[in-house]
Amino acid sequence: HYVTWHKQYAGLNKVLDCDFWVLDYNLNRGKEHFKQTD
């Protein structure tokens, strides 16, 4: 039961599409914690 959000990262090869998929009840936790990805 996945939900997702999308973010673009300005990397060395210009725009990198980043997508995050978590179980629906972890959406808020995931959005905050996965900021480490940048």
Full PDB file with SEQRES, HELIX, SHEET, SSBOND, CRYST1, ORIGX, SCALE, CONECT and MASTER records, all heavy atoms in Angstrom:
SEQRES   1 A   38  HIS TYR VAL THR TRP HIS LYS GLN TYR ALA GLY LEU ASN          
SEQRES   2 A   38  LYS VAL LEU ASP CYS ASP PHE TRP VAL LEU ASP TYR ASN          
SEQRES   3 A   38  LEU ASN ARG GLY LYS GLU HIS PHE LYS GLN THR ASP              
HELIX    1 AA1 ASP A   24  ASN A   26  5                                   3    
HELIX    2 AA2 LEU A   27  HIS A   33  1                                   7    
HELIX    3 AA3 PHE A   34  THR A   37  5                                   4    
SHEET    1 AA1 2 TYR A   2  GLY A  11  0                                        
SHEET    2 AA1 2 LYS A  14  LEU A  23 -1                                        
CRYST1    1.000    1.000    1.000  90.00  90.00  90.00 P 1           1          
ORIGX1      1.000000  0.000000  0.000000        0.00000                         
ORIGX2      0.000000  1.000000  0.000000        0.00000                         
ORIGX3      0.000000  0.000000  1.000000        0.00000                         
SCALE1      1.000000  0.000000  0.000000        0.00000                         
SCALE2      0.000000  1.000000  0.000000        0.00000                         
SCALE3      0.000000  0.000000  1.000000        0.00000                         
ATOM      1  N   HIS A   1       0.858  -1.189   0.000  1.00  0.00           N  
ATOM      2  CA  HIS A   1       0.000   0.000   0.000  1.00  0.00           C  
ATOM      3  C   HIS A   1       0.895   1.240   0.000  1.00  0.00           C  
ATOM      4  O   HIS A   1       1.018   1.939   1.005  1.00  0.00           O  
ATOM      5  CB  HIS A   1      -0.943  -0.035   1.202  1.00  0.00           C  
ATOM      6  CG  HIS A   1      -2.057  -1.029   1.046  1.00  0.00           C  
ATOM      7  ND1 HIS A   1      -3.305  -0.677   0.591  1.00  0.00           N  
ATOM      8  CD2 HIS A   1      -2.088  -2.376   1.237  1.00  0.00           C  
ATOM      9  CE1 HIS A   1      -4.084  -1.755   0.538  1.00  0.00           C  
ATOM     10  NE2 HIS A   1      -3.355  -2.802   0.928  1.00  0.00           N  
ATOM     11  N   TYR A   2       1.502   1.495  -1.145  1.00  0.00           N  
ATOM     12  CA  TYR A   2       2.482   2.560  -1.264  1.00  0.00           C  
ATOM     13  C   TYR A   2       1.846   3.896  -1.648  1.00  0.00           C  
ATOM     14  O   TYR A   2       0.859   3.946  -2.383  1.00  0.00           O  
ATOM     15  CB  TYR A   2       3.525   2.199  -2.334  1.00  0.00           C  
ATOM     16  CG  TYR A   2       4.547   1.181  -1.887  1.00  0.00           C  
ATOM     17  CD1 TYR A   2       4.498  -0.134  -2.353  1.00  0.00           C  
ATOM     18  CD2 TYR A   2       5.567   1.532  -1.009  1.00  0.00           C  
ATOM     19  CE1 TYR A   2       5.445  -1.071  -1.962  1.00  0.00           C  
ATOM     20  CE2 TYR A   2       6.521   0.604  -0.609  1.00  0.00           C  
ATOM     21  CZ  TYR A   2       6.453  -0.696  -1.083  1.00  0.00           C  
ATOM     22  OH  TYR A   2       7.390  -1.618  -0.684  1.00  0.00           O  
ATOM     23  N   VAL A   3       2.474   4.959  -1.144  1.00  0.00           N  
ATOM     24  CA  VAL A   3       2.223   6.317  -1.619  1.00  0.00           C  
ATOM     25  C   VAL A   3       3.575   6.893  -2.011  1.00  0.00           C  
ATOM     26  O   VAL A   3       4.631   6.379  -1.622  1.00  0.00           O  
ATOM     27  CB  VAL A   3       1.540   7.191  -0.554  1.00  0.00           C  
ATOM     28  CG1 VAL A   3       0.123   6.691  -0.283  1.00  0.00           C  
ATOM     29  CG2 VAL A   3       2.355   7.223   0.741  1.00  0.00           C  
ATOM     30  N   THR A   4       3.568   7.967  -2.774  1.00  0.00           N  
ATOM     31  CA  THR A   4       4.829   8.470  -3.309  1.00  0.00           C  
ATOM     32  C   THR A   4       4.849   9.986  -3.367  1.00  0.00           C  
ATOM     33  O   THR A   4       3.797  10.644  -3.338  1.00  0.00           O  
ATOM     34  CB  THR A   4       5.072   7.898  -4.720  1.00  0.00           C  
ATOM     35  OG1 THR A   4       6.368   8.292  -5.175  1.00  0.00           O  
ATOM     36  CG2 THR A   4       4.018   8.374  -5.706  1.00  0.00           C  
ATOM     37  N   TRP A   5       6.051  10.541  -3.427  1.00  0.00           N  
ATOM     38  CA  TRP A   5       6.227  11.963  -3.741  1.00  0.00           C  
ATOM     39  C   TRP A   5       7.486  12.094  -4.592  1.00  0.00           C  
ATOM     40  O   TRP A   5       8.346  11.213  -4.613  1.00  0.00           O  
ATOM     41  CB  TRP A   5       6.291  12.822  -2.486  1.00  0.00           C  
ATOM     42  CG  TRP A   5       7.500  12.676  -1.625  1.00  0.00           C  
ATOM     43  CD1 TRP A   5       8.626  13.444  -1.621  1.00  0.00           C  
ATOM     44  CD2 TRP A   5       7.716  11.688  -0.598  1.00  0.00           C  
ATOM     45  NE1 TRP A   5       9.518  13.009  -0.677  1.00  0.00           N  
ATOM     46  CE2 TRP A   5       8.987  11.937  -0.037  1.00  0.00           C  
ATOM     47  CE3 TRP A   5       6.954  10.618  -0.105  1.00  0.00           C  
ATOM     48  CZ2 TRP A   5       9.519  11.160   0.989  1.00  0.00           C  
ATOM     49  CZ3 TRP A   5       7.481   9.842   0.907  1.00  0.00           C  
ATOM     50  CH2 TRP A   5       8.744  10.117   1.453  1.00  0.00           C  
ATOM     51  N   HIS A   6       7.556  13.192  -5.297  1.00  0.00           N  
ATOM     52  CA  HIS A   6       8.609  13.414  -6.275  1.00  0.00           C  
ATOM     53  C   HIS A   6       9.391  14.672  -5.924  1.00  0.00           C  
ATOM     54  O   HIS A   6       8.843  15.641  -5.417  1.00  0.00           O  
ATOM     55  CB  HIS A   6       7.992  13.575  -7.677  1.00  0.00           C  
ATOM     56  CG  HIS A   6       8.992  13.904  -8.744  1.00  0.00           C  
ATOM     57  ND1 HIS A   6       9.812  12.966  -9.315  1.00  0.00           N  
ATOM     58  CD2 HIS A   6       9.294  15.085  -9.359  1.00  0.00           C  
ATOM     59  CE1 HIS A   6      10.588  13.547 -10.224  1.00  0.00           C  
ATOM     60  NE2 HIS A   6      10.296  14.836 -10.278  1.00  0.00           N  
ATOM     61  N   LYS A   7      10.685  14.627  -6.205  1.00  0.00           N  
ATOM     62  CA  LYS A   7      11.536  15.794  -5.991  1.00  0.00           C  
ATOM     63  C   LYS A   7      12.631  15.807  -7.049  1.00  0.00           C  
ATOM     64  O   LYS A   7      13.104  14.745  -7.477  1.00  0.00           O  
ATOM     65  CB  LYS A   7      12.168  15.752  -4.596  1.00  0.00           C  
ATOM     66  CG  LYS A   7      13.009  16.972  -4.244  1.00  0.00           C  
ATOM     67  CD  LYS A   7      13.499  16.911  -2.807  1.00  0.00           C  
ATOM     68  CE  LYS A   7      14.307  18.156  -2.460  1.00  0.00           C  
ATOM     69  NZ  LYS A   7      14.794  18.125  -1.062  1.00  0.00           N  
ATOM     70  N   GLN A   8      13.027  16.982  -7.473  1.00  0.00           N  
ATOM     71  CA  GLN A   8      14.111  17.103  -8.421  1.00  0.00           C  
ATOM     72  C   GLN A   8      15.367  17.596  -7.716  1.00  0.00           C  
ATOM     73  O   GLN A   8      15.318  18.541  -6.926  1.00  0.00           O  
ATOM     74  CB  GLN A   8      13.736  18.048  -9.564  1.00  0.00           C  
ATOM     75  CG  GLN A   8      12.689  17.468 -10.498  1.00  0.00           C  
ATOM     76  CD  GLN A   8      12.431  18.342 -11.697  1.00  0.00           C  
ATOM     77  OE1 GLN A   8      12.531  19.565 -11.608  1.00  0.00           O  
ATOM     78  NE2 GLN A   8      12.103  17.731 -12.830  1.00  0.00           N  
ATOM     79  N   TYR A   9      16.474  16.943  -8.026  1.00  0.00           N  
ATOM     80  CA  TYR A   9      17.763  17.289  -7.430  1.00  0.00           C  
ATOM     81  C   TYR A   9      18.632  17.931  -8.507  1.00  0.00           C  
ATOM     82  O   TYR A   9      18.776  17.396  -9.613  1.00  0.00           O  
ATOM     83  CB  TYR A   9      18.438  16.042  -6.869  1.00  0.00           C  
ATOM     84  CG  TYR A   9      19.855  16.258  -6.415  1.00  0.00           C  
ATOM     85  CD1 TYR A   9      20.141  16.889  -5.215  1.00  0.00           C  
ATOM     86  CD2 TYR A   9      20.926  15.840  -7.213  1.00  0.00           C  
ATOM     87  CE1 TYR A   9      21.440  17.102  -4.804  1.00  0.00           C  
ATOM     88  CE2 TYR A   9      22.241  16.042  -6.801  1.00  0.00           C  
ATOM     89  CZ  TYR A   9      22.485  16.682  -5.602  1.00  0.00           C  
ATOM     90  OH  TYR A   9      23.787  16.886  -5.200  1.00  0.00           O  
ATOM     91  N   ALA A  10      19.203  19.077  -8.190  1.00  0.00           N  
ATOM     92  CA  ALA A  10      20.086  19.769  -9.132  1.00  0.00           C  
ATOM     93  C   ALA A  10      21.489  19.202  -8.993  1.00  0.00           C  
ATOM     94  O   ALA A  10      22.265  19.622  -8.134  1.00  0.00           O  
ATOM     95  CB  ALA A  10      20.079  21.273  -8.868  1.00  0.00           C  
ATOM     96  N   GLY A  11      21.804  18.228  -9.820  1.00  0.00           N  
ATOM     97  CA  GLY A  11      23.065  17.525  -9.695  1.00  0.00           C  
ATOM     98  C   GLY A  11      24.066  17.887 -10.768  1.00  0.00           C  
ATOM     99  O   GLY A  11      23.878  18.830 -11.545  1.00  0.00           O  
ATOM    100  N   LEU A  12      25.146  17.118 -10.837  1.00  0.00           N  
ATOM    101  CA  LEU A  12      26.214  17.390 -11.793  1.00  0.00           C  
ATOM    102  C   LEU A  12      25.750  17.227 -13.234  1.00  0.00           C  
ATOM    103  O   LEU A  12      26.287  17.878 -14.137  1.00  0.00           O  
ATOM    104  CB  LEU A  12      27.407  16.473 -11.512  1.00  0.00           C  
ATOM    105  CG  LEU A  12      28.142  16.700 -10.190  1.00  0.00           C  
ATOM    106  CD1 LEU A  12      29.305  15.722 -10.058  1.00  0.00           C  
ATOM    107  CD2 LEU A  12      28.646  18.131 -10.076  1.00  0.00           C  
ATOM    108  N   ASN A  13      24.797  16.345 -13.456  1.00  0.00           N  
ATOM    109  CA  ASN A  13      24.235  16.178 -14.799  1.00  0.00           C  
ATOM    110  C   ASN A  13      22.869  16.851 -14.900  1.00  0.00           C  
ATOM    111  O   ASN A  13      21.926  16.315 -15.471  1.00  0.00           O  
ATOM    112  CB  ASN A  13      24.129  14.694 -15.168  1.00  0.00           C  
ATOM    113  CG  ASN A  13      25.463  14.120 -15.590  1.00  0.00           C  
ATOM    114  OD1 ASN A  13      26.447  14.848 -15.717  1.00  0.00           O  
ATOM    115  ND2 ASN A  13      25.519  12.823 -15.807  1.00  0.00           N  
ATOM    116  N   LYS A  14      22.772  18.011 -14.276  1.00  0.00           N  
ATOM    117  CA  LYS A  14      21.569  18.840 -14.292  1.00  0.00           C  
ATOM    118  C   LYS A  14      20.481  18.226 -13.419  1.00  0.00           C  
ATOM    119  O   LYS A  14      20.701  18.033 -12.233  1.00  0.00           O  
ATOM    120  CB  LYS A  14      21.116  19.106 -15.722  1.00  0.00           C  
ATOM    121  CG  LYS A  14      22.160  19.898 -16.534  1.00  0.00           C  
ATOM    122  CD  LYS A  14      21.660  20.257 -17.913  1.00  0.00           C  
ATOM    123  CE  LYS A  14      22.726  21.066 -18.653  1.00  0.00           C  
ATOM    124  NZ  LYS A  14      22.289  21.438 -20.028  1.00  0.00           N  
ATOM    125  N   VAL A  15      19.318  17.889 -13.974  1.00  0.00           N  
ATOM    126  CA  VAL A  15      18.168  17.523 -13.149  1.00  0.00           C  
ATOM    127  C   VAL A  15      18.084  16.009 -12.970  1.00  0.00           C  
ATOM    128  O   VAL A  15      18.005  15.251 -13.947  1.00  0.00           O  
ATOM    129  CB  VAL A  15      16.855  18.036 -13.765  1.00  0.00           C  
ATOM    130  CG1 VAL A  15      15.656  17.571 -12.934  1.00  0.00           C  
ATOM    131  CG2 VAL A  15      16.875  19.562 -13.861  1.00  0.00           C  
ATOM    132  N   LEU A  16      18.116  15.580 -11.705  1.00  0.00           N  
ATOM    133  CA  LEU A  16      17.919  14.174 -11.366  1.00  0.00           C  
ATOM    134  C   LEU A  16      16.547  14.021 -10.725  1.00  0.00           C  
ATOM    135  O   LEU A  16      16.251  14.656  -9.713  1.00  0.00           O  
ATOM    136  CB  LEU A  16      19.001  13.690 -10.396  1.00  0.00           C  
ATOM    137  CG  LEU A  16      18.812  12.292  -9.804  1.00  0.00           C  
ATOM    138  CD1 LEU A  16      18.809  11.225 -10.893  1.00  0.00           C  
ATOM    139  CD2 LEU A  16      19.878  11.990  -8.757  1.00  0.00           C  
ATOM    140  N   ASP A  17      15.706  13.185 -11.328  1.00  0.00           N  
ATOM    141  CA  ASP A  17      14.395  12.901 -10.753  1.00  0.00           C  
ATOM    142  C   ASP A  17      14.551  11.946  -9.576  1.00  0.00           C  
ATOM    143  O   ASP A  17      15.153  10.869  -9.714  1.00  0.00           O  
ATOM    144  CB  ASP A  17      13.472  12.267 -11.801  1.00  0.00           C  
ATOM    145  CG  ASP A  17      13.058  13.255 -12.876  1.00  0.00           C  
ATOM    146  OD1 ASP A  17      12.631  14.363 -12.503  1.00  0.00           O  
ATOM    147  OD2 ASP A  17      13.170  12.930 -14.074  1.00  0.00           O  
ATOM    148  N   CYS A  18      14.027  12.346  -8.425  1.00  0.00           N  
ATOM    149  CA  CYS A  18      14.066  11.520  -7.221  1.00  0.00           C  
ATOM    150  C   CYS A  18      12.640  11.210  -6.790  1.00  0.00           C  
ATOM    151  O   CYS A  18      11.813  12.120  -6.661  1.00  0.00           O  
ATOM    152  CB  CYS A  18      14.791  12.249  -6.088  1.00  0.00           C  
ATOM    153  SG  CYS A  18      16.510  12.658  -6.456  1.00  0.00           S  
ATOM    154  N   ASP A  19      12.362   9.935  -6.585  1.00  0.00           N  
ATOM    155  CA  ASP A  19      11.028   9.510  -6.155  1.00  0.00           C  
ATOM    156  C   ASP A  19      11.153   8.659  -4.905  1.00  0.00           C  
ATOM    157  O   ASP A  19      12.087   7.858  -4.761  1.00  0.00           O  
ATOM    158  CB  ASP A  19      10.334   8.726  -7.263  1.00  0.00           C  
ATOM    159  CG  ASP A  19      10.017   9.593  -8.463  1.00  0.00           C  
ATOM    160  OD1 ASP A  19       9.027  10.338  -8.393  1.00  0.00           O  
ATOM    161  OD2 ASP A  19      10.767   9.543  -9.460  1.00  0.00           O  
ATOM    162  N   PHE A  20      10.211   8.837  -4.014  1.00  0.00           N  
ATOM    163  CA  PHE A  20      10.220   8.153  -2.724  1.00  0.00           C  
ATOM    164  C   PHE A  20       8.888   7.433  -2.551  1.00  0.00           C  
ATOM    165  O   PHE A  20       7.820   8.024  -2.751  1.00  0.00           O  
ATOM    166  CB  PHE A  20      10.448   9.161  -1.606  1.00  0.00           C  
ATOM    167  CG  PHE A  20      11.686   9.995  -1.802  1.00  0.00           C  
ATOM    168  CD1 PHE A  20      11.630  11.197  -2.498  1.00  0.00           C  
ATOM    169  CD2 PHE A  20      12.915   9.571  -1.326  1.00  0.00           C  
ATOM    170  CE1 PHE A  20      12.768  11.968  -2.707  1.00  0.00           C  
ATOM    171  CE2 PHE A  20      14.061  10.332  -1.532  1.00  0.00           C  
ATOM    172  CZ  PHE A  20      13.988  11.527  -2.215  1.00  0.00           C  
ATOM    173  N   TRP A  21       8.972   6.152  -2.211  1.00  0.00           N  
ATOM    174  CA  TRP A  21       7.785   5.323  -2.052  1.00  0.00           C  
ATOM    175  C   TRP A  21       7.798   4.724  -0.646  1.00  0.00           C  
ATOM    176  O   TRP A  21       8.741   4.016  -0.273  1.00  0.00           O  
ATOM    177  CB  TRP A  21       7.767   4.208  -3.085  1.00  0.00           C  
ATOM    178  CG  TRP A  21       7.645   4.705  -4.501  1.00  0.00           C  
ATOM    179  CD1 TRP A  21       8.634   5.259  -5.268  1.00  0.00           C  
ATOM    180  CD2 TRP A  21       6.476   4.699  -5.312  1.00  0.00           C  
ATOM    181  NE1 TRP A  21       8.153   5.592  -6.500  1.00  0.00           N  
ATOM    182  CE2 TRP A  21       6.827   5.263  -6.570  1.00  0.00           C  
ATOM    183  CE3 TRP A  21       5.149   4.264  -5.110  1.00  0.00           C  
ATOM    184  CZ2 TRP A  21       5.910   5.401  -7.613  1.00  0.00           C  
ATOM    185  CZ3 TRP A  21       4.240   4.393  -6.150  1.00  0.00           C  
ATOM    186  CH2 TRP A  21       4.617   4.959  -7.381  1.00  0.00           C  
ATOM    187  N   VAL A  22       6.757   5.020   0.126  1.00  0.00           N  
ATOM    188  CA  VAL A  22       6.643   4.482   1.483  1.00  0.00           C  
ATOM    189  C   VAL A  22       5.224   3.963   1.685  1.00  0.00           C  
ATOM    190  O   VAL A  22       4.304   4.313   0.927  1.00  0.00           O  
ATOM    191  CB  VAL A  22       6.960   5.555   2.551  1.00  0.00           C  
ATOM    192  CG1 VAL A  22       8.390   6.059   2.409  1.00  0.00           C  
ATOM    193  CG2 VAL A  22       5.970   6.713   2.469  1.00  0.00           C  
ATOM    194  N   LEU A  23       5.036   3.139   2.683  1.00  0.00           N  
ATOM    195  CA  LEU A  23       3.692   2.698   3.030  1.00  0.00           C  
ATOM    196  C   LEU A  23       2.874   3.905   3.471  1.00  0.00           C  
ATOM    197  O   LEU A  23       3.398   4.850   4.080  1.00  0.00           O  
ATOM    198  CB  LEU A  23       3.752   1.645   4.120  1.00  0.00           C  
ATOM    199  CG  LEU A  23       4.467   0.338   3.716  1.00  0.00           C  
ATOM    200  CD1 LEU A  23       4.523  -0.631   4.902  1.00  0.00           C  
ATOM    201  CD2 LEU A  23       3.793  -0.324   2.515  1.00  0.00           C  
ATOM    202  N   ASP A  24       1.590   3.873   3.180  1.00  0.00           N  
ATOM    203  CA  ASP A  24       0.746   5.065   3.328  1.00  0.00           C  
ATOM    204  C   ASP A  24       0.807   5.696   4.712  1.00  0.00           C  
ATOM    205  O   ASP A  24       0.816   6.921   4.852  1.00  0.00           O  
ATOM    206  CB  ASP A  24      -0.700   4.754   2.935  1.00  0.00           C  
ATOM    207  CG  ASP A  24      -1.257   3.485   3.573  1.00  0.00           C  
ATOM    208  OD1 ASP A  24      -0.623   2.952   4.520  1.00  0.00           O  
ATOM    209  OD2 ASP A  24      -2.330   3.026   3.122  1.00  0.00           O  
ATOM    210  N   TYR A  25       0.915   4.868   5.761  1.00  0.00           N  
ATOM    211  CA  TYR A  25       0.917   5.432   7.110  1.00  0.00           C  
ATOM    212  C   TYR A  25       2.273   6.023   7.507  1.00  0.00           C  
ATOM    213  O   TYR A  25       2.412   6.606   8.581  1.00  0.00           O  
ATOM    214  CB  TYR A  25       0.475   4.388   8.142  1.00  0.00           C  
ATOM    215  CG  TYR A  25       1.204   3.054   8.076  1.00  0.00           C  
ATOM    216  CD1 TYR A  25       2.482   2.893   8.603  1.00  0.00           C  
ATOM    217  CD2 TYR A  25       0.590   1.935   7.499  1.00  0.00           C  
ATOM    218  CE1 TYR A  25       3.131   1.682   8.562  1.00  0.00           C  
ATOM    219  CE2 TYR A  25       1.230   0.713   7.446  1.00  0.00           C  
ATOM    220  CZ  TYR A  25       2.505   0.589   7.969  1.00  0.00           C  
ATOM    221  OH  TYR A  25       3.156  -0.627   7.922  1.00  0.00           O  
ATOM    222  N   ASN A  26       3.273   5.892   6.639  1.00  0.00           N  
ATOM    223  CA  ASN A  26       4.601   6.455   6.921  1.00  0.00           C  
ATOM    224  C   ASN A  26       4.918   7.679   6.066  1.00  0.00           C  
ATOM    225  O   ASN A  26       6.074   8.109   6.006  1.00  0.00           O  
ATOM    226  CB  ASN A  26       5.687   5.392   6.701  1.00  0.00           C  
ATOM    227  CG  ASN A  26       5.780   4.409   7.846  1.00  0.00           C  
ATOM    228  OD1 ASN A  26       5.540   4.770   8.996  1.00  0.00           O  
ATOM    229  ND2 ASN A  26       6.110   3.168   7.546  1.00  0.00           N  
ATOM    230  N   LEU A  27       3.913   8.254   5.446  1.00  0.00           N  
ATOM    231  CA  LEU A  27       4.160   9.359   4.523  1.00  0.00           C  
ATOM    232  C   LEU A  27       4.853  10.532   5.209  1.00  0.00           C  
ATOM    233  O   LEU A  27       5.872  11.036   4.724  1.00  0.00           O  
ATOM    234  CB  LEU A  27       2.840   9.819   3.891  1.00  0.00           C  
ATOM    235  CG  LEU A  27       2.952  10.999   2.919  1.00  0.00           C  
ATOM    236  CD1 LEU A  27       3.855  10.646   1.749  1.00  0.00           C  
ATOM    237  CD2 LEU A  27       1.562  11.413   2.430  1.00  0.00           C  
ATOM    238  N   ASN A  28       4.349  10.994   6.321  1.00  0.00           N  
ATOM    239  CA  ASN A  28       4.938  12.168   6.982  1.00  0.00           C  
ATOM    240  C   ASN A  28       6.334  11.870   7.520  1.00  0.00           C  
ATOM    241  O   ASN A  28       7.245  12.701   7.404  1.00  0.00           O  
ATOM    242  CB  ASN A  28       4.021  12.653   8.104  1.00  0.00           C  
ATOM    243  CG  ASN A  28       2.726  13.247   7.579  1.00  0.00           C  
ATOM    244  OD1 ASN A  28       2.669  13.733   6.449  1.00  0.00           O  
ATOM    245  ND2 ASN A  28       1.669  13.188   8.379  1.00  0.00           N  
ATOM    246  N   ARG A  29       6.509  10.687   8.112  1.00  0.00           N  
ATOM    247  CA  ARG A  29       7.832  10.313   8.616  1.00  0.00           C  
ATOM    248  C   ARG A  29       8.838  10.235   7.476  1.00  0.00           C  
ATOM    249  O   ARG A  29       9.980  10.706   7.588  1.00  0.00           O  
ATOM    250  CB  ARG A  29       7.776   8.958   9.320  1.00  0.00           C  
ATOM    251  CG  ARG A  29       6.966   8.929  10.590  1.00  0.00           C  
ATOM    252  CD  ARG A  29       6.952   7.529  11.171  1.00  0.00           C  
ATOM    253  NE  ARG A  29       8.261   7.131  11.681  1.00  0.00           N  
ATOM    254  CZ  ARG A  29       8.606   5.888  11.981  1.00  0.00           C  
ATOM    255  NH1 ARG A  29       7.747   4.899  11.786  1.00  0.00           N  
ATOM    256  NH2 ARG A  29       9.801   5.616  12.472  1.00  0.00           N  
ATOM    257  N   GLY A  30       8.396   9.641   6.377  1.00  0.00           N  
ATOM    258  CA  GLY A  30       9.286   9.497   5.246  1.00  0.00           C  
ATOM    259  C   GLY A  30       9.703  10.825   4.653  1.00  0.00           C  
ATOM    260  O   GLY A  30      10.880  11.041   4.342  1.00  0.00           O  
ATOM    261  N   LYS A  31       8.753  11.733   4.496  1.00  0.00           N  
ATOM    262  CA  LYS A  31       9.064  13.036   3.907  1.00  0.00           C  
ATOM    263  C   LYS A  31      10.100  13.793   4.740  1.00  0.00           C  
ATOM    264  O   LYS A  31      10.972  14.473   4.192  1.00  0.00           O  
ATOM    265  CB  LYS A  31       7.793  13.865   3.754  1.00  0.00           C  
ATOM    266  CG  LYS A  31       6.944  13.478   2.556  1.00  0.00           C  
ATOM    267  CD  LYS A  31       5.813  14.474   2.349  1.00  0.00           C  
ATOM    268  CE  LYS A  31       5.081  14.208   1.045  1.00  0.00           C  
ATOM    269  NZ  LYS A  31       4.003  15.191   0.802  1.00  0.00           N  
ATOM    270  N   GLU A  32      10.020  13.692   6.022  1.00  0.00           N  
ATOM    271  CA  GLU A  32      10.969  14.383   6.884  1.00  0.00           C  
ATOM    272  C   GLU A  32      12.321  13.680   6.880  1.00  0.00           C  
ATOM    273  O   GLU A  32      13.371  14.311   6.704  1.00  0.00           O  
ATOM    274  CB  GLU A  32      10.426  14.467   8.312  1.00  0.00           C  
ATOM    275  CG  GLU A  32      11.342  15.183   9.298  1.00  0.00           C  
ATOM    276  CD  GLU A  32      11.624  16.627   8.923  1.00  0.00           C  
ATOM    277  OE1 GLU A  32      10.761  17.267   8.283  1.00  0.00           O  
ATOM    278  OE2 GLU A  32      12.725  17.130   9.269  1.00  0.00           O  
ATOM    279  N   HIS A  33      12.306  12.363   7.070  1.00  0.00           N  
ATOM    280  CA  HIS A  33      13.568  11.636   7.233  1.00  0.00           C  
ATOM    281  C   HIS A  33      14.369  11.573   5.941  1.00  0.00           C  
ATOM    282  O   HIS A  33      15.608  11.665   5.958  1.00  0.00           O  
ATOM    283  CB  HIS A  33      13.291  10.221   7.749  1.00  0.00           C  
ATOM    284  CG  HIS A  33      14.530   9.488   8.167  1.00  0.00           C  
ATOM    285  ND1 HIS A  33      15.219   9.778   9.321  1.00  0.00           N  
ATOM    286  CD2 HIS A  33      15.224   8.492   7.558  1.00  0.00           C  
ATOM    287  CE1 HIS A  33      16.274   8.990   9.421  1.00  0.00           C  
ATOM    288  NE2 HIS A  33      16.299   8.203   8.359  1.00  0.00           N  
ATOM    289  N   PHE A  34      13.704  11.437   4.824  1.00  0.00           N  
ATOM    290  CA  PHE A  34      14.408  11.263   3.557  1.00  0.00           C  
ATOM    291  C   PHE A  34      14.997  12.562   3.010  1.00  0.00           C  
ATOM    292  O   PHE A  34      15.561  12.575   1.919  1.00  0.00           O  
ATOM    293  CB  PHE A  34      13.495  10.617   2.515  1.00  0.00           C  
ATOM    294  CG  PHE A  34      13.240   9.149   2.758  1.00  0.00           C  
ATOM    295  CD1 PHE A  34      12.265   8.482   2.038  1.00  0.00           C  
ATOM    296  CD2 PHE A  34      13.961   8.437   3.702  1.00  0.00           C  
ATOM    297  CE1 PHE A  34      12.010   7.136   2.249  1.00  0.00           C  
ATOM    298  CE2 PHE A  34      13.721   7.090   3.934  1.00  0.00           C  
ATOM    299  CZ  PHE A  34      12.744   6.434   3.194  1.00  0.00           C  
ATOM    300  N   LYS A  35      14.896  13.648   3.787  1.00  0.00           N  
ATOM    301  CA  LYS A  35      15.601  14.865   3.398  1.00  0.00           C  
ATOM    302  C   LYS A  35      17.110  14.630   3.369  1.00  0.00           C  
ATOM    303  O   LYS A  35      17.848  15.375   2.727  1.00  0.00           O  
ATOM    304  CB  LYS A  35      15.257  16.001   4.360  1.00  0.00           C  
ATOM    305  CG  LYS A  35      13.836  16.525   4.226  1.00  0.00           C  
ATOM    306  CD  LYS A  35      13.546  17.622   5.249  1.00  0.00           C  
ATOM    307  CE  LYS A  35      12.116  18.149   5.111  1.00  0.00           C  
ATOM    308  NZ  LYS A  35      11.808  19.192   6.123  1.00  0.00           N  
ATOM    309  N   GLN A  36      17.566  13.591   4.062  1.00  0.00           N  
ATOM    310  CA  GLN A  36      18.990  13.253   4.047  1.00  0.00           C  
ATOM    311  C   GLN A  36      19.480  12.890   2.651  1.00  0.00           C  
ATOM    312  O   GLN A  36      20.689  12.906   2.378  1.00  0.00           O  
ATOM    313  CB  GLN A  36      19.278  12.070   4.984  1.00  0.00           C  
ATOM    314  CG  GLN A  36      19.143  12.384   6.449  1.00  0.00           C  
ATOM    315  CD  GLN A  36      19.652  11.232   7.305  1.00  0.00           C  
ATOM    316  OE1 GLN A  36      20.590  10.537   6.941  1.00  0.00           O  
ATOM    317  NE2 GLN A  36      19.018  11.035   8.457  1.00  0.00           N  
ATOM    318  N   THR A  37      18.555  12.545   1.768  1.00  0.00           N  
ATOM    319  CA  THR A  37      18.946  12.128   0.421  1.00  0.00           C  
ATOM    320  C   THR A  37      19.727  13.219  -0.297  1.00  0.00           C  
ATOM    321  O   THR A  37      20.707  12.941  -1.005  1.00  0.00           O  
ATOM    322  CB  THR A  37      17.709  11.733  -0.393  1.00  0.00           C  
ATOM    323  OG1 THR A  37      17.014  10.678   0.286  1.00  0.00           O  
ATOM    324  CG2 THR A  37      18.098  11.254  -1.780  1.00  0.00           C  
ATOM    325  N   ASP A  38      19.313  14.479  -0.135  1.00  0.00           N  
ATOM    326  CA  ASP A  38      20.017  15.577  -0.784  1.00  0.00           C  
ATOM    327  C   ASP A  38      21.485  15.627  -0.350  1.00  0.00           C  
ATOM    328  O   ASP A  38      22.391  15.792  -1.173  1.00  0.00           O  
ATOM    329  CB  ASP A  38      19.345  16.914  -0.462  1.00  0.00           C  
ATOM    330  CG  ASP A  38      18.208  17.230  -1.415  1.00  0.00           C  
ATOM    331  OD1 ASP A  38      17.883  16.367  -2.252  1.00  0.00           O  
ATOM    332  OD2 ASP A  38      17.656  18.328  -1.320  1.00  0.00           O  
TER     333      ASP A  38                                                      
MASTER        0    0    0    3    2    0    0    6  332    1    0    3          
END                                                                             
